[in-house]
């Protein structure tokens, strides 16, 4: 059970990505959305989800939110990288690097916001 708690963040992220893929596939079936708009929707929705999850994680920690956020960000980027390798969709481009940097910054911000919200609630 302890292992499941440690990986629950990544399991929830994987489930969210699958649900978003299904929703976007259904939307693209009925509406012909531009590929650039699709990428923006994916970028924004996944990063909002990651931000919300990291705010929740940040509420549980006691200090050094930026370091724990950086660790979580690197783990999240590694998870997304491995996921893209498994699905054969990885292309090493500047856009992908920027996306990974944004994801790391979102994780750090999520932890910082979470630890500050915890202090406001007490």
PDB file of N, CA and C in Angstrom:
ATOM      1  N   UNK A   1       0.819  -1.186   0.000  1.00  0.00           N
ATOM      2  CA  UNK A   1       0.000   0.000   0.000  1.00  0.00           C
ATOM      3  C   UNK A   1       0.869   1.258   0.000  1.00  0.00           C
ATOM      4  N   UNK A   2       2.032   1.194   0.660  1.00  0.00           N
ATOM      5  CA  UNK A   2       2.917   2.333   0.718  1.00  0.00           C
ATOM      6  C   UNK A   2       3.469   2.674  -0.666  1.00  0.00           C
ATOM      7  N   UNK A   3       3.737   1.647  -1.454  1.00  0.00           N
ATOM      8  CA  UNK A   3       4.241   1.865  -2.814  1.00  0.00           C
ATOM      9  C   UNK A   3       3.165   2.524  -3.661  1.00  0.00           C
ATOM     10  N   UNK A   4       1.931   2.105  -3.493  1.00  0.00           N
ATOM     11  CA  UNK A   4       0.824   2.682  -4.248  1.00  0.00           C
ATOM     12  C   UNK A   4       0.646   4.160  -3.911  1.00  0.00           C
ATOM     13  N   UNK A   5       0.871   4.533  -2.654  1.00  0.00           N
ATOM     14  CA  UNK A   5       0.773   5.938  -2.263  1.00  0.00           C
ATOM     15  C   UNK A   5       1.849   6.781  -2.930  1.00  0.00           C
ATOM     16  N   UNK A   6       3.051   6.230  -3.088  1.00  0.00           N
ATOM     17  CA  UNK A   6       4.136   6.967  -3.711  1.00  0.00           C
ATOM     18  C   UNK A   6       3.899   7.150  -5.204  1.00  0.00           C
ATOM     19  N   UNK A   7       3.272   6.186  -5.847  1.00  0.00           N
ATOM     20  CA  UNK A   7       3.046   6.258  -7.284  1.00  0.00           C
ATOM     21  C   UNK A   7       1.653   6.754  -7.647  1.00  0.00           C
ATOM     22  N   UNK A   8       0.846   7.121  -6.656  1.00  0.00           N
ATOM     23  CA  UNK A   8      -0.520   7.547  -6.957  1.00  0.00           C
ATOM     24  C   UNK A   8      -0.534   8.823  -7.791  1.00  0.00           C
ATOM     25  N   UNK A   9       0.441   9.716  -7.586  1.00  0.00           N
ATOM     26  CA  UNK A   9       0.541  10.940  -8.381  1.00  0.00           C
ATOM     27  C   UNK A   9       0.686  10.597  -9.868  1.00  0.00           C
ATOM     28  N   UNK A  10       1.559   9.656 -10.165  1.00  0.00           N
ATOM     29  CA  UNK A  10       1.817   9.301 -11.560  1.00  0.00           C
ATOM     30  C   UNK A  10       0.679   8.475 -12.156  1.00  0.00           C
ATOM     31  N   UNK A  11       0.042   7.657 -11.335  1.00  0.00           N
ATOM     32  CA  UNK A  11      -1.117   6.892 -11.812  1.00  0.00           C
ATOM     33  C   UNK A  11      -2.262   7.842 -12.155  1.00  0.00           C
ATOM     34  N   UNK A  12      -2.503   8.833 -11.284  1.00  0.00           N
ATOM     35  CA  UNK A  12      -3.544   9.822 -11.551  1.00  0.00           C
ATOM     36  C   UNK A  12      -3.208  10.641 -12.797  1.00  0.00           C
ATOM     37  N   UNK A  13      -1.938  10.987 -12.966  1.00  0.00           N
ATOM     38  CA  UNK A  13      -1.512  11.743 -14.145  1.00  0.00           C
ATOM     39  C   UNK A  13      -1.723  10.927 -15.413  1.00  0.00           C
ATOM     40  N   UNK A  14      -1.397   9.648 -15.372  1.00  0.00           N
ATOM     41  CA  UNK A  14      -1.595   8.787 -16.526  1.00  0.00           C
ATOM     42  C   UNK A  14      -3.074   8.658 -16.864  1.00  0.00           C
ATOM     43  N   UNK A  15      -3.907   8.482 -15.861  1.00  0.00           N
ATOM     44  CA  UNK A  15      -5.349   8.385 -16.091  1.00  0.00           C
ATOM     45  C   UNK A  15      -5.874   9.695 -16.678  1.00  0.00           C
ATOM     46  N   UNK A  16      -5.391  10.832 -16.170  1.00  0.00           N
ATOM     47  CA  UNK A  16      -5.824  12.117 -16.692  1.00  0.00           C
ATOM     48  C   UNK A  16      -5.407  12.285 -18.157  1.00  0.00           C
ATOM     49  N   UNK A  17      -4.190  11.877 -18.489  1.00  0.00           N
ATOM     50  CA  UNK A  17      -3.722  11.989 -19.875  1.00  0.00           C
ATOM     51  C   UNK A  17      -4.576  11.118 -20.790  1.00  0.00           C
ATOM     52  N   UNK A  18      -4.906   9.922 -20.349  1.00  0.00           N
ATOM     53  CA  UNK A  18      -5.750   9.033 -21.159  1.00  0.00           C
ATOM     54  C   UNK A  18      -7.138   9.634 -21.351  1.00  0.00           C
ATOM     55  N   UNK A  19      -7.716  10.173 -20.284  1.00  0.00           N
ATOM     56  CA  UNK A  19      -9.044  10.792 -20.390  1.00  0.00           C
ATOM     57  C   UNK A  19      -8.998  11.997 -21.325  1.00  0.00           C
ATOM     58  N   UNK A  20      -7.962  12.823 -21.212  1.00  0.00           N
ATOM     59  CA  UNK A  20      -7.835  13.983 -22.107  1.00  0.00           C
ATOM     60  C   UNK A  20      -7.660  13.549 -23.547  1.00  0.00           C
ATOM     61  N   UNK A  21      -6.929  12.471 -23.782  1.00  0.00           N
ATOM     62  CA  UNK A  21      -6.754  11.974 -25.152  1.00  0.00           C
ATOM     63  C   UNK A  21      -8.086  11.515 -25.733  1.00  0.00           C
ATOM     64  N   UNK A  22      -8.877  10.838 -24.922  1.00  0.00           N
ATOM     65  CA  UNK A  22     -10.194  10.380 -25.385  1.00  0.00           C
ATOM     66  C   UNK A  22     -11.106  11.573 -25.667  1.00  0.00           C
ATOM     67  N   UNK A  23     -11.118  12.551 -24.780  1.00  0.00           N
ATOM     68  CA  UNK A  23     -11.960  13.737 -24.981  1.00  0.00           C
ATOM     69  C   UNK A  23     -11.541  14.492 -26.239  1.00  0.00           C
ATOM     70  N   UNK A  24     -10.227  14.685 -26.432  1.00  0.00           N
ATOM     71  CA  UNK A  24      -9.766  15.384 -27.625  1.00  0.00           C
ATOM     72  C   UNK A  24     -10.040  14.586 -28.893  1.00  0.00           C
ATOM     73  N   UNK A  25      -9.973  13.266 -28.811  1.00  0.00           N
ATOM     74  CA  UNK A  25     -10.298  12.440 -29.974  1.00  0.00           C
ATOM     75  C   UNK A  25     -11.767  12.588 -30.353  1.00  0.00           C
ATOM     76  N   UNK A  26     -12.633  12.624 -29.350  1.00  0.00           N
ATOM     77  CA  UNK A  26     -14.068  12.807 -29.621  1.00  0.00           C
ATOM     78  C   UNK A  26     -14.336  14.199 -30.192  1.00  0.00           C
ATOM     79  N   UNK A  27     -13.681  15.215 -29.628  1.00  0.00           N
ATOM     80  CA  UNK A  27     -13.846  16.573 -30.146  1.00  0.00           C
ATOM     81  C   UNK A  27     -13.351  16.662 -31.585  1.00  0.00           C
ATOM     82  N   UNK A  28     -12.207  16.049 -31.867  1.00  0.00           N
ATOM     83  CA  UNK A  28     -11.668  16.075 -33.228  1.00  0.00           C
ATOM     84  C   UNK A  28     -12.516  15.265 -34.198  1.00  0.00           C
ATOM     85  N   UNK A  29     -13.262  14.322 -33.690  1.00  0.00           N
ATOM     86  CA  UNK A  29     -14.139  13.536 -34.547  1.00  0.00           C
ATOM     87  C   UNK A  29     -15.275  14.394 -35.103  1.00  0.00           C
ATOM     88  N   UNK A  30     -15.814  15.252 -34.260  1.00  0.00           N
ATOM     89  CA  UNK A  30     -16.943  16.079 -34.674  1.00  0.00           C
ATOM     90  C   UNK A  30     -16.526  17.450 -35.191  1.00  0.00           C
ATOM     91  N   UNK A  31     -15.481  18.018 -34.622  1.00  0.00           N
ATOM     92  CA  UNK A  31     -14.984  19.324 -35.046  1.00  0.00           C
ATOM     93  C   UNK A  31     -13.556  19.153 -35.540  1.00  0.00           C
ATOM     94  N   UNK A  32     -13.251  19.743 -36.642  1.00  0.00           N
ATOM     95  CA  UNK A  32     -11.898  19.631 -37.180  1.00  0.00           C
ATOM     96  C   UNK A  32     -11.043  20.749 -36.587  1.00  0.00           C
ATOM     97  N   UNK A  33     -10.423  20.461 -35.442  1.00  0.00           N
ATOM     98  CA  UNK A  33      -9.607  21.458 -34.744  1.00  0.00           C
ATOM     99  C   UNK A  33      -8.183  21.394 -35.292  1.00  0.00           C
ATOM    100  N   UNK A  34      -7.589  22.556 -35.404  1.00  0.00           N
ATOM    101  CA  UNK A  34      -6.222  22.681 -35.880  1.00  0.00           C
ATOM    102  C   UNK A  34      -5.266  21.950 -34.924  1.00  0.00           C
ATOM    103  N   UNK A  35      -4.188  21.418 -35.458  1.00  0.00           N
ATOM    104  CA  UNK A  35      -3.234  20.666 -34.654  1.00  0.00           C
ATOM    105  C   UNK A  35      -2.535  21.560 -33.625  1.00  0.00           C
ATOM    106  N   UNK A  36      -2.299  22.805 -33.975  1.00  0.00           N
ATOM    107  CA  UNK A  36      -1.663  23.738 -33.033  1.00  0.00           C
ATOM    108  C   UNK A  36      -2.591  24.001 -31.851  1.00  0.00           C
ATOM    109  N   UNK A  37      -3.878  24.170 -32.111  1.00  0.00           N
ATOM    110  CA  UNK A  37      -4.851  24.374 -31.043  1.00  0.00           C
ATOM    111  C   UNK A  37      -4.911  23.139 -30.151  1.00  0.00           C
ATOM    112  N   UNK A  38      -4.840  21.966 -30.760  1.00  0.00           N
ATOM    113  CA  UNK A  38      -4.816  20.715 -30.004  1.00  0.00           C
ATOM    114  C   UNK A  38      -3.630  20.673 -29.046  1.00  0.00           C
ATOM    115  N   UNK A  39      -2.452  21.038 -29.527  1.00  0.00           N
ATOM    116  CA  UNK A  39      -1.252  21.021 -28.689  1.00  0.00           C
ATOM    117  C   UNK A  39      -1.364  22.018 -27.542  1.00  0.00           C
ATOM    118  N   UNK A  40      -1.953  23.179 -27.817  1.00  0.00           N
ATOM    119  CA  UNK A  40      -2.124  24.184 -26.772  1.00  0.00           C
ATOM    120  C   UNK A  40      -3.104  23.687 -25.712  1.00  0.00           C
ATOM    121  N   UNK A  41      -4.191  23.056 -26.146  1.00  0.00           N
ATOM    122  CA  UNK A  41      -5.166  22.505 -25.194  1.00  0.00           C
ATOM    123  C   UNK A  41      -4.509  21.452 -24.312  1.00  0.00           C
ATOM    124  N   UNK A  42      -3.708  20.590 -24.903  1.00  0.00           N
ATOM    125  CA  UNK A  42      -3.014  19.551 -24.146  1.00  0.00           C
ATOM    126  C   UNK A  42      -2.026  20.184 -23.160  1.00  0.00           C
ATOM    127  N   UNK A  43      -1.228  21.145 -23.624  1.00  0.00           N
ATOM    128  CA  UNK A  43      -0.249  21.810 -22.768  1.00  0.00           C
ATOM    129  C   UNK A  43      -0.914  22.477 -21.573  1.00  0.00           C
ATOM    130  N   UNK A  44      -1.955  23.245 -21.833  1.00  0.00           N
ATOM    131  CA  UNK A  44      -2.612  23.989 -20.761  1.00  0.00           C
ATOM    132  C   UNK A  44      -3.329  23.049 -19.793  1.00  0.00           C
ATOM    133  N   UNK A  45      -4.071  22.089 -20.318  1.00  0.00           N
ATOM    134  CA  UNK A  45      -4.862  21.220 -19.435  1.00  0.00           C
ATOM    135  C   UNK A  45      -3.978  20.329 -18.566  1.00  0.00           C
ATOM    136  N   UNK A  46      -2.947  19.760 -19.136  1.00  0.00           N
ATOM    137  CA  UNK A  46      -2.067  18.895 -18.342  1.00  0.00           C
ATOM    138  C   UNK A  46      -1.305  19.711 -17.304  1.00  0.00           C
ATOM    139  N   UNK A  47      -0.852  20.910 -17.677  1.00  0.00           N
ATOM    140  CA  UNK A  47      -0.116  21.715 -16.701  1.00  0.00           C
ATOM    141  C   UNK A  47      -1.019  22.264 -15.607  1.00  0.00           C
ATOM    142  N   UNK A  48      -2.278  22.551 -15.912  1.00  0.00           N
ATOM    143  CA  UNK A  48      -3.213  22.950 -14.855  1.00  0.00           C
ATOM    144  C   UNK A  48      -3.439  21.781 -13.903  1.00  0.00           C
ATOM    145  N   UNK A  49      -3.585  20.573 -14.457  1.00  0.00           N
ATOM    146  CA  UNK A  49      -3.754  19.397 -13.605  1.00  0.00           C
ATOM    147  C   UNK A  49      -2.513  19.180 -12.725  1.00  0.00           C
ATOM    148  N   UNK A  50      -1.341  19.304 -13.319  1.00  0.00           N
ATOM    149  CA  UNK A  50      -0.096  19.135 -12.560  1.00  0.00           C
ATOM    150  C   UNK A  50       0.008  20.200 -11.472  1.00  0.00           C
ATOM    151  N   UNK A  51      -0.386  21.438 -11.780  1.00  0.00           N
ATOM    152  CA  UNK A  51      -0.354  22.509 -10.781  1.00  0.00           C
ATOM    153  C   UNK A  51      -1.270  22.185  -9.608  1.00  0.00           C
ATOM    154  N   UNK A  52      -2.485  21.750  -9.891  1.00  0.00           N
ATOM    155  CA  UNK A  52      -3.434  21.427  -8.827  1.00  0.00           C
ATOM    156  C   UNK A  52      -2.913  20.282  -7.961  1.00  0.00           C
ATOM    157  N   UNK A  53      -2.373  19.249  -8.591  1.00  0.00           N
ATOM    158  CA  UNK A  53      -1.840  18.123  -7.828  1.00  0.00           C
ATOM    159  C   UNK A  53      -0.644  18.537  -6.976  1.00  0.00           C
ATOM    160  N   UNK A  54       0.196  19.417  -7.503  1.00  0.00           N
ATOM    161  CA  UNK A  54       1.361  19.850  -6.734  1.00  0.00           C
ATOM    162  C   UNK A  54       0.986  20.811  -5.617  1.00  0.00           C
ATOM    163  N   UNK A  55      -0.098  21.563  -5.779  1.00  0.00           N
ATOM    164  CA  UNK A  55      -0.584  22.368  -4.655  1.00  0.00           C
ATOM    165  C   UNK A  55      -1.027  21.445  -3.525  1.00  0.00           C
ATOM    166  N   UNK A  56      -1.721  20.351  -3.887  1.00  0.00           N
ATOM    167  CA  UNK A  56      -2.133  19.384  -2.866  1.00  0.00           C
ATOM    168  C   UNK A  56      -0.923  18.743  -2.193  1.00  0.00           C
ATOM    169  N   UNK A  57       0.104  18.416  -2.990  1.00  0.00           N
ATOM    170  CA  UNK A  57       1.318  17.838  -2.403  1.00  0.00           C
ATOM    171  C   UNK A  57       2.053  18.860  -1.547  1.00  0.00           C
ATOM    172  N   UNK A  58       2.042  20.121  -1.959  1.00  0.00           N
ATOM    173  CA  UNK A  58       2.722  21.165  -1.214  1.00  0.00           C
ATOM    174  C   UNK A  58       2.112  21.422   0.142  1.00  0.00           C
ATOM    175  N   UNK A  59       0.821  21.152   0.280  1.00  0.00           N
ATOM    176  CA  UNK A  59       0.165  21.347   1.577  1.00  0.00           C
ATOM    177  C   UNK A  59       0.641  20.336   2.614  1.00  0.00           C
ATOM    178  N   UNK A  60       1.198  19.212   2.156  1.00  0.00           N
ATOM    179  CA  UNK A  60       1.642  18.164   3.085  1.00  0.00           C
ATOM    180  C   UNK A  60       3.064  18.340   3.576  1.00  0.00           C
ATOM    181  N   UNK A  61       3.856  19.195   2.920  1.00  0.00           N
ATOM    182  CA  UNK A  61       5.255  19.328   3.317  1.00  0.00           C
ATOM    183  C   UNK A  61       5.407  20.455   4.331  1.00  0.00           C
ATOM    184  N   UNK A  62       6.552  20.471   5.005  1.00  0.00           N
ATOM    185  CA  UNK A  62       6.752  21.451   6.064  1.00  0.00           C
ATOM    186  C   UNK A  62       7.745  22.549   5.683  1.00  0.00           C
ATOM    187  N   UNK A  63       8.734  22.249   4.853  1.00  0.00           N
ATOM    188  CA  UNK A  63       9.722  23.261   4.491  1.00  0.00           C
ATOM    189  C   UNK A  63      10.351  22.947   3.139  1.00  0.00           C
ATOM    190  N   UNK A  64      11.080  23.928   2.611  1.00  0.00           N
ATOM    191  CA  UNK A  64      11.811  23.819   1.348  1.00  0.00           C
ATOM    192  C   UNK A  64      10.924  23.321   0.201  1.00  0.00           C
ATOM    193  N   UNK A  65       9.877  24.070  -0.051  1.00  0.00           N
ATOM    194  CA  UNK A  65       8.923  23.677  -1.087  1.00  0.00           C
ATOM    195  C   UNK A  65       9.554  23.715  -2.470  1.00  0.00           C
ATOM    196  N   UNK A  66      10.458  24.640  -2.702  1.00  0.00           N
ATOM    197  CA  UNK A  66      11.054  24.749  -4.032  1.00  0.00           C
ATOM    198  C   UNK A  66      11.925  23.547  -4.363  1.00  0.00           C
ATOM    199  N   UNK A  67      12.620  23.001  -3.369  1.00  0.00           N
ATOM    200  CA  UNK A  67      13.462  21.825  -3.620  1.00  0.00           C
ATOM    201  C   UNK A  67      12.589  20.590  -3.866  1.00  0.00           C
ATOM    202  N   UNK A  68      11.558  20.423  -3.055  1.00  0.00           N
ATOM    203  CA  UNK A  68      10.656  19.279  -3.255  1.00  0.00           C
ATOM    204  C   UNK A  68       9.873  19.437  -4.549  1.00  0.00           C
ATOM    205  N   UNK A  69       9.541  20.670  -4.906  1.00  0.00           N
ATOM    206  CA  UNK A  69       8.876  20.922  -6.183  1.00  0.00           C
ATOM    207  C   UNK A  69       9.790  20.612  -7.355  1.00  0.00           C
ATOM    208  N   UNK A  70      11.073  20.944  -7.214  1.00  0.00           N
ATOM    209  CA  UNK A  70      12.040  20.627  -8.261  1.00  0.00           C
ATOM    210  C   UNK A  70      12.184  19.121  -8.415  1.00  0.00           C
ATOM    211  N   UNK A  71      12.247  18.397  -7.300  1.00  0.00           N
ATOM    212  CA  UNK A  71      12.318  16.932  -7.358  1.00  0.00           C
ATOM    213  C   UNK A  71      11.082  16.359  -8.044  1.00  0.00           C
ATOM    214  N   UNK A  72       9.903  16.847  -7.642  1.00  0.00           N
ATOM    215  CA  UNK A  72       8.661  16.365  -8.243  1.00  0.00           C
ATOM    216  C   UNK A  72       8.599  16.729  -9.716  1.00  0.00           C
ATOM    217  N   UNK A  73       9.097  17.909 -10.071  1.00  0.00           N
ATOM    218  CA  UNK A  73       9.117  18.329 -11.468  1.00  0.00           C
ATOM    219  C   UNK A  73      10.016  17.451 -12.318  1.00  0.00           C
ATOM    220  N   UNK A  74      11.178  17.124 -11.795  1.00  0.00           N
ATOM    221  CA  UNK A  74      12.098  16.253 -12.536  1.00  0.00           C
ATOM    222  C   UNK A  74      11.499  14.855 -12.680  1.00  0.00           C
ATOM    223  N   UNK A  75      10.870  14.353 -11.629  1.00  0.00           N
ATOM    224  CA  UNK A  75      10.212  13.048 -11.714  1.00  0.00           C
ATOM    225  C   UNK A  75       9.055  13.076 -12.710  1.00  0.00           C
ATOM    226  N   UNK A  76       8.305  14.170 -12.722  1.00  0.00           N
ATOM    227  CA  UNK A  76       7.186  14.288 -13.664  1.00  0.00           C
ATOM    228  C   UNK A  76       7.688  14.343 -15.095  1.00  0.00           C
ATOM    229  N   UNK A  77       8.747  15.101 -15.336  1.00  0.00           N
ATOM    230  CA  UNK A  77       9.319  15.177 -16.682  1.00  0.00           C
ATOM    231  C   UNK A  77       9.874  13.817 -17.094  1.00  0.00           C
ATOM    232  N   UNK A  78      10.518  13.117 -16.165  1.00  0.00           N
ATOM    233  CA  UNK A  78      11.021  11.779 -16.478  1.00  0.00           C
ATOM    234  C   UNK A  78       9.868  10.840 -16.817  1.00  0.00           C
ATOM    235  N   UNK A  79       8.764  10.943 -16.070  1.00  0.00           N
ATOM    236  CA  UNK A  79       7.588  10.122 -16.344  1.00  0.00           C
ATOM    237  C   UNK A  79       7.007  10.440 -17.724  1.00  0.00           C
ATOM    238  N   UNK A  80       6.884  11.727 -18.045  1.00  0.00           N
ATOM    239  CA  UNK A  80       6.354  12.115 -19.354  1.00  0.00           C
ATOM    240  C   UNK A  80       7.297  11.693 -20.479  1.00  0.00           C
ATOM    241  N   UNK A  81       8.603  11.780 -20.237  1.00  0.00           N
ATOM    242  CA  UNK A  81       9.597  11.352 -21.225  1.00  0.00           C
ATOM    243  C   UNK A  81       9.494   9.848 -21.485  1.00  0.00           C
ATOM    244  N   UNK A  82       9.419   9.069 -20.420  1.00  0.00           N
ATOM    245  CA  UNK A  82       9.288   7.608 -20.573  1.00  0.00           C
ATOM    246  C   UNK A  82       7.977   7.263 -21.257  1.00  0.00           C
ATOM    247  N   UNK A  83       6.915   7.969 -20.904  1.00  0.00           N
ATOM    248  CA  UNK A  83       5.615   7.742 -21.545  1.00  0.00           C
ATOM    249  C   UNK A  83       5.671   8.055 -23.038  1.00  0.00           C
ATOM    250  N   UNK A  84       6.360   9.111 -23.411  1.00  0.00           N
ATOM    251  CA  UNK A  84       6.471   9.437 -24.832  1.00  0.00           C
ATOM    252  C   UNK A  84       7.372   8.447 -25.566  1.00  0.00           C
ATOM    253  N   UNK A  85       8.352   7.891 -24.872  1.00  0.00           N
ATOM    254  CA  UNK A  85       9.184   6.853 -25.503  1.00  0.00           C
ATOM    255  C   UNK A  85       8.386   5.570 -25.721  1.00  0.00           C
ATOM    256  N   UNK A  86       7.546   5.235 -24.757  1.00  0.00           N
ATOM    257  CA  UNK A  86       6.731   4.021 -24.875  1.00  0.00           C
ATOM    258  C   UNK A  86       5.733   4.145 -26.021  1.00  0.00           C
ATOM    259  N   UNK A  87       5.163   5.336 -26.186  1.00  0.00           N
ATOM    260  CA  UNK A  87       4.157   5.530 -27.232  1.00  0.00           C
ATOM    261  C   UNK A  87       4.767   5.925 -28.576  1.00  0.00           C
ATOM    262  N   UNK A  88       6.083   5.962 -28.648  1.00  0.00           N
ATOM    263  CA  UNK A  88       6.806   6.276 -29.891  1.00  0.00           C
ATOM    264  C   UNK A  88       6.467   7.659 -30.435  1.00  0.00           C
ATOM    265  N   UNK A  89       6.182   8.610 -29.559  1.00  0.00           N
ATOM    266  CA  UNK A  89       5.847   9.954 -30.012  1.00  0.00           C
ATOM    267  C   UNK A  89       6.924  10.971 -29.665  1.00  0.00           C
ATOM    268  N   UNK A  90       8.076  10.523 -29.214  1.00  0.00           N
ATOM    269  CA  UNK A  90       9.096  11.473 -28.786  1.00  0.00           C
ATOM    270  C   UNK A  90       9.912  11.954 -29.970  1.00  0.00           C
ATOM    271  N   UNK A  91       9.965  13.272 -30.095  1.00  0.00           N
ATOM    272  CA  UNK A  91      10.845  13.930 -31.052  1.00  0.00           C
ATOM    273  C   UNK A  91      11.584  14.997 -30.274  1.00  0.00           C
ATOM    274  N   UNK A  92      12.887  14.989 -30.376  1.00  0.00           N
ATOM    275  CA  UNK A  92      13.705  15.932 -29.614  1.00  0.00           C
ATOM    276  C   UNK A  92      13.685  17.279 -30.318  1.00  0.00           C
ATOM    277  N   UNK A  93      12.791  18.153 -29.875  1.00  0.00           N
ATOM    278  CA  UNK A  93      12.659  19.482 -30.465  1.00  0.00           C
ATOM    279  C   UNK A  93      12.763  20.533 -29.366  1.00  0.00           C
ATOM    280  N   UNK A  94      12.918  21.763 -29.806  1.00  0.00           N
ATOM    281  CA  UNK A  94      12.989  22.870 -28.857  1.00  0.00           C
ATOM    282  C   UNK A  94      11.650  23.055 -28.141  1.00  0.00           C
ATOM    283  N   UNK A  95      10.540  22.796 -28.835  1.00  0.00           N
ATOM    284  CA  UNK A  95       9.221  22.896 -28.209  1.00  0.00           C
ATOM    285  C   UNK A  95       9.083  21.912 -27.056  1.00  0.00           C
ATOM    286  N   UNK A  96       9.599  20.712 -27.230  1.00  0.00           N
ATOM    287  CA  UNK A  96       9.518  19.693 -26.178  1.00  0.00           C
ATOM    288  C   UNK A  96      10.346  20.099 -24.964  1.00  0.00           C
ATOM    289  N   UNK A  97      11.524  20.666 -25.206  1.00  0.00           N
ATOM    290  CA  UNK A  97      12.374  21.123 -24.101  1.00  0.00           C
ATOM    291  C   UNK A  97      11.685  22.249 -23.335  1.00  0.00           C
ATOM    292  N   UNK A  98      11.078  23.191 -24.062  1.00  0.00           N
ATOM    293  CA  UNK A  98      10.350  24.287 -23.414  1.00  0.00           C
ATOM    294  C   UNK A  98       9.176  23.728 -22.614  1.00  0.00           C
ATOM    295  N   UNK A  99       8.475  22.744 -23.157  1.00  0.00           N
ATOM    296  CA  UNK A  99       7.358  22.112 -22.451  1.00  0.00           C
ATOM    297  C   UNK A  99       7.825  21.476 -21.148  1.00  0.00           C
ATOM    298  N   UNK A 100       8.963  20.794 -21.186  1.00  0.00           N
ATOM    299  CA  UNK A 100       9.484  20.160 -19.977  1.00  0.00           C
ATOM    300  C   UNK A 100       9.928  21.203 -18.952  1.00  0.00           C
ATOM    301  N   UNK A 101      10.515  22.304 -19.409  1.00  0.00           N
ATOM    302  CA  UNK A 101      10.916  23.367 -18.487  1.00  0.00           C
ATOM    303  C   UNK A 101       9.688  23.994 -17.842  1.00  0.00           C
ATOM    304  N   UNK A 102       8.635  24.231 -18.641  1.00  0.00           N
ATOM    305  CA  UNK A 102       7.386  24.777 -18.103  1.00  0.00           C
ATOM    306  C   UNK A 102       6.805  23.826 -17.060  1.00  0.00           C
ATOM    307  N   UNK A 103       6.866  22.524 -17.331  1.00  0.00           N
ATOM    308  CA  UNK A 103       6.337  21.541 -16.386  1.00  0.00           C
ATOM    309  C   UNK A 103       7.104  21.565 -15.066  1.00  0.00           C
ATOM    310  N   UNK A 104       8.421  21.683 -15.136  1.00  0.00           N
ATOM    311  CA  UNK A 104       9.224  21.754 -13.905  1.00  0.00           C
ATOM    312  C   UNK A 104       8.882  23.021 -13.120  1.00  0.00           C
ATOM    313  N   UNK A 105       8.761  24.151 -13.814  1.00  0.00           N
ATOM    314  CA  UNK A 105       8.425  25.407 -13.143  1.00  0.00           C
ATOM    315  C   UNK A 105       7.026  25.323 -12.518  1.00  0.00           C
ATOM    316  N   UNK A 106       6.080  24.697 -13.223  1.00  0.00           N
ATOM    317  CA  UNK A 106       4.721  24.524 -12.688  1.00  0.00           C
ATOM    318  C   UNK A 106       4.760  23.681 -11.409  1.00  0.00           C
ATOM    319  N   UNK A 107       5.575  22.629 -11.396  1.00  0.00           N
ATOM    320  CA  UNK A 107       5.682  21.791 -10.186  1.00  0.00           C
ATOM    321  C   UNK A 107       6.259  22.584  -9.018  1.00  0.00           C
ATOM    322  N   UNK A 108       7.280  23.384  -9.280  1.00  0.00           N
ATOM    323  CA  UNK A 108       7.872  24.198  -8.216  1.00  0.00           C
ATOM    324  C   UNK A 108       6.846  25.203  -7.696  1.00  0.00           C
ATOM    325  N   UNK A 109       6.162  25.884  -8.608  1.00  0.00           N
ATOM    326  CA  UNK A 109       5.144  26.858  -8.200  1.00  0.00           C
ATOM    327  C   UNK A 109       4.008  26.190  -7.419  1.00  0.00           C
ATOM    328  N   UNK A 110       3.609  25.001  -7.845  1.00  0.00           N
ATOM    329  CA  UNK A 110       2.557  24.282  -7.140  1.00  0.00           C
ATOM    330  C   UNK A 110       2.931  23.978  -5.707  1.00  0.00           C
ATOM    331  N   UNK A 111       4.156  23.538  -5.499  1.00  0.00           N
ATOM    332  CA  UNK A 111       4.600  23.255  -4.128  1.00  0.00           C
ATOM    333  C   UNK A 111       4.681  24.538  -3.300  1.00  0.00           C
ATOM    334  N   UNK A 112       5.189  25.607  -3.907  1.00  0.00           N
ATOM    335  CA  UNK A 112       5.305  26.870  -3.176  1.00  0.00           C
ATOM    336  C   UNK A 112       3.920  27.404  -2.813  1.00  0.00           C
ATOM    337  N   UNK A 113       2.983  27.372  -3.753  1.00  0.00           N
ATOM    338  CA  UNK A 113       1.615  27.817  -3.466  1.00  0.00           C
ATOM    339  C   UNK A 113       0.982  26.928  -2.398  1.00  0.00           C
ATOM    340  N   UNK A 114       1.212  25.622  -2.510  1.00  0.00           N
ATOM    341  CA  UNK A 114       0.632  24.687  -1.539  1.00  0.00           C
ATOM    342  C   UNK A 114       1.129  24.925  -0.122  1.00  0.00           C
ATOM    343  N   UNK A 115       2.417  25.134   0.033  1.00  0.00           N
ATOM    344  CA  UNK A 115       2.952  25.350   1.387  1.00  0.00           C
ATOM    345  C   UNK A 115       2.470  26.696   1.932  1.00  0.00           C
ATOM    346  N   UNK A 116       2.295  27.687   1.077  1.00  0.00           N
ATOM    347  CA  UNK A 116       1.781  28.980   1.540  1.00  0.00           C
ATOM    348  C   UNK A 116       0.293  28.927   1.857  1.00  0.00           C
ATOM    349  N   UNK A 117      -0.477  28.156   1.110  1.00  0.00           N
ATOM    350  CA  UNK A 117      -1.909  28.004   1.412  1.00  0.00           C
ATOM    351  C   UNK A 117      -2.092  27.267   2.737  1.00  0.00           C
ATOM    352  N   UNK A 118      -1.195  26.330   3.024  1.00  0.00           N
ATOM    353  CA  UNK A 118      -1.274  25.599   4.295  1.00  0.00           C
ATOM    354  C   UNK A 118      -1.063  26.563   5.452  1.00  0.00           C
ATOM    355  N   UNK A 119      -0.117  27.498   5.295  1.00  0.00           N
ATOM    356  CA  UNK A 119       0.133  28.462   6.359  1.00  0.00           C
ATOM    357  C   UNK A 119      -1.050  29.411   6.544  1.00  0.00           C
ATOM    358  N   UNK A 120      -1.761  29.741   5.477  1.00  0.00           N
ATOM    359  CA  UNK A 120      -2.925  30.627   5.593  1.00  0.00           C
ATOM    360  C   UNK A 120      -4.090  29.943   6.286  1.00  0.00           C
ATOM    361  N   UNK A 121      -4.229  28.632   6.091  1.00  0.00           N
ATOM    362  CA  UNK A 121      -5.350  27.911   6.675  1.00  0.00           C
ATOM    363  C   UNK A 121      -5.174  27.664   8.165  1.00  0.00           C
ATOM    364  N   UNK A 122      -3.942  27.660   8.663  1.00  0.00           N
ATOM    365  CA  UNK A 122      -3.699  27.392  10.084  1.00  0.00           C
ATOM    366  C   UNK A 122      -3.892  28.600  10.934  1.00  0.00           C
TER     367      UNK A 122
END
